[in-house]
Amino acid sequence: MRIVVSGTHASGKSTLISDFAARHPEYSVLPDPFELMDEFWDAPGPAMFAAQLRLAADRLSNGEHGSHLIAERGPLDFLAYLSALEALDEAPVSPHLWDRATGIVRDSLRLVDLVVVLPLAGSDALVAGADEHLALREAMNDALLDLIDDRDVVDERARVVEITGDRGRRLAALEAAVAGSTAQKVP
């Protein structure tokens, strides 16, 4: 089972992945691509998000992590960040970059069994730190929710689930989604 956990910054991805991995040690954990970047970035921008999108796609396609993995962020996240930058008028995204990024997202989703989206919800009691770019956080969340419904980006074969709730409910929902996916694959 290949799982990608998607969501804006400070949405609970790391916590959910940590909780899941503690109960399922057979899964390789792939960290947020930002942690793997060598470059230093002054501020979020199209080049930074495009680089992370490519890194997220490459690690899903290289096969070195085996058949059981859970990744913090996938290419879809960074397409949502590119869309958020446009929505906020912070940085233009060229049509060429958008088309190329969309193609990479579509191709990478074919390699994933389950995309878990953690939308921002007031009831989840997640608070972003004062150092977070709050407008970008909200815009990315909105863009991600739009993209998962866009059949030109996420086709009907992709299994996408939205999970909300407190820490325990999120873990239970993820485990139920994994069990449901596994049951669907068994003849």
C-alpha atoms as a PDB file:
ATOM      1  CA  MET A   1       0.000   0.000   0.000  1.00  0.00           C
ATOM      2  CA  ARG A   2       1.379   3.370  -1.073  1.00  0.00           C
ATOM      3  CA  ILE A   3      -0.127   6.273   0.880  1.00  0.00           C
ATOM      4  CA  VAL A   4       0.391  10.008   0.488  1.00  0.00           C
ATOM      5  CA  VAL A   5      -0.798  12.335   3.248  1.00  0.00           C
ATOM      6  CA  SER A   6      -1.596  15.774   1.833  1.00  0.00           C
ATOM      7  CA  GLY A   7      -2.490  19.063   3.427  1.00  0.00           C
ATOM      8  CA  THR A   8      -1.377  22.594   3.947  1.00  0.00           C
ATOM      9  CA  HIS A   9       1.338  23.480   6.431  1.00  0.00           C
ATOM     10  CA  ALA A  10       0.435  22.931  10.083  1.00  0.00           C
ATOM     11  CA  SER A  11      -2.492  20.643   9.249  1.00  0.00           C
ATOM     12  CA  GLY A  12      -1.372  17.589  11.257  1.00  0.00           C
ATOM     13  CA  LYS A  13       0.375  15.533   8.557  1.00  0.00           C
ATOM     14  CA  SER A  14       3.533  14.754  10.549  1.00  0.00           C
ATOM     15  CA  THR A  15       1.568  13.780  13.640  1.00  0.00           C
ATOM     16  CA  LEU A  16      -0.762  11.460  11.728  1.00  0.00           C
ATOM     17  CA  ILE A  17       2.134   9.817   9.895  1.00  0.00           C
ATOM     18  CA  SER A  18       4.079   9.369  13.128  1.00  0.00           C
ATOM     19  CA  ASP A  19       1.081   7.806  14.865  1.00  0.00           C
ATOM     20  CA  PHE A  20       0.426   5.489  11.901  1.00  0.00           C
ATOM     21  CA  ALA A  21       4.079   4.442  11.572  1.00  0.00           C
ATOM     22  CA  ALA A  22       4.287   3.619  15.284  1.00  0.00           C
ATOM     23  CA  ARG A  23       1.471   1.095  14.818  1.00  0.00           C
ATOM     24  CA  HIS A  24       2.573  -0.077  11.358  1.00  0.00           C
ATOM     25  CA  PRO A  25       6.376  -0.453  11.330  1.00  0.00           C
ATOM     26  CA  GLU A  26       6.219  -2.298   8.001  1.00  0.00           C
ATOM     27  CA  TYR A  27       5.680   1.081   6.308  1.00  0.00           C
ATOM     28  CA  SER A  28       8.585   3.201   5.135  1.00  0.00           C
ATOM     29  CA  VAL A  29       8.049   6.859   6.053  1.00  0.00           C
ATOM     30  CA  LEU A  30       8.975   9.485   3.484  1.00  0.00           C
ATOM     31  CA  PRO A  31       9.438  12.922   5.083  1.00  0.00           C
ATOM     32  CA  ASP A  32       8.218  16.245   3.747  1.00  0.00           C
ATOM     33  CA  PRO A  33      10.212  16.979   0.565  1.00  0.00           C
ATOM     34  CA  PHE A  34      11.147  20.379   2.000  1.00  0.00           C
ATOM     35  CA  GLU A  35      13.355  18.544   4.506  1.00  0.00           C
ATOM     36  CA  LEU A  36      15.257  16.959   1.605  1.00  0.00           C
ATOM     37  CA  MET A  37      15.941  20.176  -0.276  1.00  0.00           C
ATOM     38  CA  ASP A  38      19.555  21.327  -0.526  1.00  0.00           C
ATOM     39  CA  GLU A  39      18.705  24.829  -1.675  1.00  0.00           C
ATOM     40  CA  PHE A  40      18.092  27.744   0.631  1.00  0.00           C
ATOM     41  CA  TRP A  41      14.917  29.652  -0.119  1.00  0.00           C
ATOM     42  CA  ASP A  42      14.214  33.152   1.137  1.00  0.00           C
ATOM     43  CA  ALA A  43      10.477  32.893   0.590  1.00  0.00           C
ATOM     44  CA  PRO A  44       7.939  30.532  -0.947  1.00  0.00           C
ATOM     45  CA  GLY A  45       7.825  30.840  -4.714  1.00  0.00           C
ATOM     46  CA  PRO A  46       7.109  28.900  -7.893  1.00  0.00           C
ATOM     47  CA  ALA A  47      10.679  27.587  -8.247  1.00  0.00           C
ATOM     48  CA  MET A  48      10.713  26.243  -4.688  1.00  0.00           C
ATOM     49  CA  PHE A  49       7.351  24.521  -5.047  1.00  0.00           C
ATOM     50  CA  ALA A  50       8.208  23.166  -8.512  1.00  0.00           C
ATOM     51  CA  ALA A  51      11.420  21.646  -7.127  1.00  0.00           C
ATOM     52  CA  GLN A  52       9.524  19.998  -4.277  1.00  0.00           C
ATOM     53  CA  LEU A  53       6.859  18.732  -6.713  1.00  0.00           C
ATOM     54  CA  ARG A  54       9.546  17.018  -8.805  1.00  0.00           C
ATOM     55  CA  LEU A  55      11.225  15.578  -5.710  1.00  0.00           C
ATOM     56  CA  ALA A  56       7.895  14.248  -4.401  1.00  0.00           C
ATOM     57  CA  ALA A  57       7.139  12.625  -7.768  1.00  0.00           C
ATOM     58  CA  ASP A  58      10.617  11.128  -8.151  1.00  0.00           C
ATOM     59  CA  ARG A  59      10.549   9.428  -4.776  1.00  0.00           C
ATOM     60  CA  LEU A  60       7.196   7.827  -5.591  1.00  0.00           C
ATOM     61  CA  SER A  61       8.423   6.512  -8.923  1.00  0.00           C
ATOM     62  CA  ASN A  62      11.890   5.236  -8.033  1.00  0.00           C
ATOM     63  CA  GLY A  63      10.656   2.119  -6.183  1.00  0.00           C
ATOM     64  CA  GLU A  64      13.439   2.141  -3.597  1.00  0.00           C
ATOM     65  CA  HIS A  65      11.003   2.407  -0.681  1.00  0.00           C
ATOM     66  CA  GLY A  66       9.125  -0.818  -1.373  1.00  0.00           C
ATOM     67  CA  SER A  67       5.438  -1.468  -1.643  1.00  0.00           C
ATOM     68  CA  HIS A  68       4.482  -0.199   1.828  1.00  0.00           C
ATOM     69  CA  LEU A  69       5.125   3.494   2.234  1.00  0.00           C
ATOM     70  CA  ILE A  70       3.495   6.542   3.704  1.00  0.00           C
ATOM     71  CA  ALA A  71       4.686   9.884   2.378  1.00  0.00           C
ATOM     72  CA  GLU A  72       4.281  13.306   3.865  1.00  0.00           C
ATOM     73  CA  ARG A  73       3.131  15.321   0.875  1.00  0.00           C
ATOM     74  CA  GLY A  74       2.950  14.330  -2.744  1.00  0.00           C
ATOM     75  CA  PRO A  75       3.148  16.290  -5.968  1.00  0.00           C
ATOM     76  CA  LEU A  76      -0.509  17.303  -5.573  1.00  0.00           C
ATOM     77  CA  ASP A  77       0.426  19.384  -2.523  1.00  0.00           C
ATOM     78  CA  PHE A  78       2.866  21.471  -4.499  1.00  0.00           C
ATOM     79  CA  LEU A  79       0.456  21.973  -7.376  1.00  0.00           C
ATOM     80  CA  ALA A  80      -1.910  23.350  -4.733  1.00  0.00           C
ATOM     81  CA  TYR A  81       0.828  25.669  -3.451  1.00  0.00           C
ATOM     82  CA  LEU A  82       1.445  26.922  -7.004  1.00  0.00           C
ATOM     83  CA  SER A  83      -2.275  27.595  -7.338  1.00  0.00           C
ATOM     84  CA  ALA A  84      -2.289  29.357  -3.965  1.00  0.00           C
ATOM     85  CA  LEU A  85       0.544  31.662  -5.026  1.00  0.00           C
ATOM     86  CA  GLU A  86      -1.494  32.676  -8.057  1.00  0.00           C
ATOM     87  CA  ALA A  87      -4.631  33.191  -5.963  1.00  0.00           C
ATOM     88  CA  LEU A  88      -2.734  35.457  -3.578  1.00  0.00           C
ATOM     89  CA  ASP A  89      -1.069  37.351  -6.442  1.00  0.00           C
ATOM     90  CA  GLU A  90       2.279  36.596  -4.770  1.00  0.00           C
ATOM     91  CA  ALA A  91       4.018  35.114  -7.791  1.00  0.00           C
ATOM     92  CA  PRO A  92       2.919  34.357 -11.322  1.00  0.00           C
ATOM     93  CA  VAL A  93       3.015  30.724 -12.422  1.00  0.00           C
ATOM     94  CA  SER A  94       3.694  30.350 -16.118  1.00  0.00           C
ATOM     95  CA  PRO A  95       1.230  28.282 -18.164  1.00  0.00           C
ATOM     96  CA  HIS A  96       4.143  26.026 -19.153  1.00  0.00           C
ATOM     97  CA  LEU A  97       5.022  25.334 -15.509  1.00  0.00           C
ATOM     98  CA  TRP A  98       1.360  24.733 -14.648  1.00  0.00           C
ATOM     99  CA  ASP A  99       0.866  22.275 -17.540  1.00  0.00           C
ATOM    100  CA  ARG A 100       4.074  20.414 -16.767  1.00  0.00           C
ATOM    101  CA  ALA A 101       3.300  20.238 -13.041  1.00  0.00           C
ATOM    102  CA  THR A 102      -0.242  19.003 -13.716  1.00  0.00           C
ATOM    103  CA  GLY A 103       1.124  16.221 -15.924  1.00  0.00           C
ATOM    104  CA  ILE A 104       3.586  15.150 -13.235  1.00  0.00           C
ATOM    105  CA  VAL A 105       0.778  15.066 -10.658  1.00  0.00           C
ATOM    106  CA  ARG A 106      -1.467  12.936 -12.894  1.00  0.00           C
ATOM    107  CA  ASP A 107       1.361  10.483 -13.594  1.00  0.00           C
ATOM    108  CA  SER A 108       2.408  10.209  -9.945  1.00  0.00           C
ATOM    109  CA  LEU A 109      -1.137   9.576  -8.722  1.00  0.00           C
ATOM    110  CA  ARG A 110      -1.118   6.362 -10.761  1.00  0.00           C
ATOM    111  CA  LEU A 111       1.617   5.120  -8.408  1.00  0.00           C
ATOM    112  CA  VAL A 112      -0.360   5.821  -5.224  1.00  0.00           C
ATOM    113  CA  ASP A 113      -3.040   3.614  -3.662  1.00  0.00           C
ATOM    114  CA  LEU A 114      -4.467   6.177  -1.277  1.00  0.00           C
ATOM    115  CA  VAL A 115      -4.291   9.966  -0.984  1.00  0.00           C
ATOM    116  CA  VAL A 116      -5.275  11.190   2.462  1.00  0.00           C
ATOM    117  CA  VAL A 117      -6.216  14.862   2.571  1.00  0.00           C
ATOM    118  CA  LEU A 118      -6.213  16.720   5.877  1.00  0.00           C
ATOM    119  CA  PRO A 119      -8.336  19.804   5.278  1.00  0.00           C
ATOM    120  CA  LEU A 120      -8.290  22.638   7.763  1.00  0.00           C
ATOM    121  CA  ALA A 121     -11.262  22.364  10.079  1.00  0.00           C
ATOM    122  CA  GLY A 122     -11.898  24.550  13.090  1.00  0.00           C
ATOM    123  CA  SER A 123     -12.958  21.551  15.136  1.00  0.00           C
ATOM    124  CA  ASP A 124      -9.552  19.861  14.788  1.00  0.00           C
ATOM    125  CA  ALA A 125      -7.888  22.244  17.270  1.00  0.00           C
ATOM    126  CA  LEU A 126      -4.777  22.681  15.118  1.00  0.00           C
ATOM    127  CA  VAL A 127      -3.154  26.056  15.535  1.00  0.00           C
ATOM    128  CA  ALA A 128      -0.507  27.397  13.193  1.00  0.00           C
ATOM    129  CA  GLY A 129       2.474  29.134  14.725  1.00  0.00           C
ATOM    130  CA  ALA A 130       2.982  32.864  14.452  1.00  0.00           C
ATOM    131  CA  ASP A 131       5.838  32.256  11.998  1.00  0.00           C
ATOM    132  CA  GLU A 132       3.552  30.481   9.499  1.00  0.00           C
ATOM    133  CA  HIS A 133       2.389  32.232   6.336  1.00  0.00           C
ATOM    134  CA  LEU A 134      -1.295  32.117   7.289  1.00  0.00           C
ATOM    135  CA  ALA A 135      -2.701  33.515   4.040  1.00  0.00           C
ATOM    136  CA  LEU A 136      -0.706  30.950   2.042  1.00  0.00           C
ATOM    137  CA  ARG A 137      -1.849  28.216   4.434  1.00  0.00           C
ATOM    138  CA  GLU A 138      -5.527  29.039   3.842  1.00  0.00           C
ATOM    139  CA  ALA A 139      -5.108  29.535   0.076  1.00  0.00           C
ATOM    140  CA  MET A 140      -3.250  26.229  -0.295  1.00  0.00           C
ATOM    141  CA  ASN A 141      -5.958  24.430   1.677  1.00  0.00           C
ATOM    142  CA  ASP A 142      -8.641  25.863  -0.615  1.00  0.00           C
ATOM    143  CA  ALA A 143      -6.627  25.039  -3.741  1.00  0.00           C
ATOM    144  CA  LEU A 144      -5.999  21.460  -2.584  1.00  0.00           C
ATOM    145  CA  LEU A 145      -9.698  20.886  -1.949  1.00  0.00           C
ATOM    146  CA  ASP A 146     -10.488  22.256  -5.419  1.00  0.00           C
ATOM    147  CA  LEU A 147      -7.818  20.119  -7.083  1.00  0.00           C
ATOM    148  CA  ILE A 148      -9.004  16.827  -5.593  1.00  0.00           C
ATOM    149  CA  ASP A 149     -12.338  17.435  -7.337  1.00  0.00           C
ATOM    150  CA  ASP A 150     -10.731  18.424 -10.656  1.00  0.00           C
ATOM    151  CA  ARG A 151     -10.891  15.367 -12.937  1.00  0.00           C
ATOM    152  CA  ASP A 152      -8.254  16.889 -15.231  1.00  0.00           C
ATOM    153  CA  VAL A 153      -5.820  16.558 -12.318  1.00  0.00           C
ATOM    154  CA  VAL A 154      -7.136  13.719 -10.139  1.00  0.00           C
ATOM    155  CA  ASP A 155      -8.939  11.142 -12.249  1.00  0.00           C
ATOM    156  CA  GLU A 156     -11.719   8.907 -10.985  1.00  0.00           C
ATOM    157  CA  ARG A 157      -9.344   5.965 -10.430  1.00  0.00           C
ATOM    158  CA  ALA A 158      -7.505   7.778  -7.648  1.00  0.00           C
ATOM    159  CA  ARG A 159      -8.681   6.919  -4.153  1.00  0.00           C
ATOM    160  CA  VAL A 160      -8.848  10.124  -2.128  1.00  0.00           C
ATOM    161  CA  VAL A 161     -10.203  10.399   1.399  1.00  0.00           C
ATOM    162  CA  GLU A 162     -10.559  13.509   3.536  1.00  0.00           C
ATOM    163  CA  ILE A 163      -9.885  13.006   7.223  1.00  0.00           C
ATOM    164  CA  THR A 164     -10.728  15.424  10.016  1.00  0.00           C
ATOM    165  CA  GLY A 165     -11.100  15.178  13.755  1.00  0.00           C
ATOM    166  CA  ASP A 166      -8.807  14.926  16.715  1.00  0.00           C
ATOM    167  CA  ARG A 167      -5.612  12.897  16.693  1.00  0.00           C
ATOM    168  CA  GLY A 168      -7.266   9.611  17.641  1.00  0.00           C
ATOM    169  CA  ARG A 169     -10.084   9.983  15.114  1.00  0.00           C
ATOM    170  CA  ARG A 170      -7.636  10.790  12.336  1.00  0.00           C
ATOM    171  CA  LEU A 171      -5.556   7.689  13.036  1.00  0.00           C
ATOM    172  CA  ALA A 172      -8.659   5.487  13.205  1.00  0.00           C
ATOM    173  CA  ALA A 173      -9.944   6.945   9.930  1.00  0.00           C
ATOM    174  CA  LEU A 174      -6.594   6.368   8.200  1.00  0.00           C
ATOM    175  CA  GLU A 175      -6.432   2.775   9.427  1.00  0.00           C
ATOM    176  CA  ALA A 176     -10.023   2.190   8.239  1.00  0.00           C
ATOM    177  CA  ALA A 177      -9.189   3.659   4.814  1.00  0.00           C
ATOM    178  CA  VAL A 178      -6.109   1.427   4.534  1.00  0.00           C
ATOM    179  CA  ALA A 179      -8.130  -1.636   5.571  1.00  0.00           C
ATOM    180  CA  GLY A 180     -10.799  -0.713   3.016  1.00  0.00           C
ATOM    181  CA  SER A 181      -8.204  -0.322   0.253  1.00  0.00           C
ATOM    182  CA  THR A 182      -6.575  -3.633   1.127  1.00  0.00           C
ATOM    183  CA  ALA A 183      -9.941  -5.413   1.162  1.00  0.00           C
ATOM    184  CA  GLN A 184     -10.781  -3.992  -2.285  1.00  0.00           C
ATOM    185  CA  LYS A 185      -7.603  -5.489  -3.768  1.00  0.00           C
ATOM    186  CA  VAL A 186      -8.205  -9.013  -2.462  1.00  0.00           C
ATOM    187  CA  PRO A 187     -10.309 -11.084  -4.912  1.00  0.00           C
END
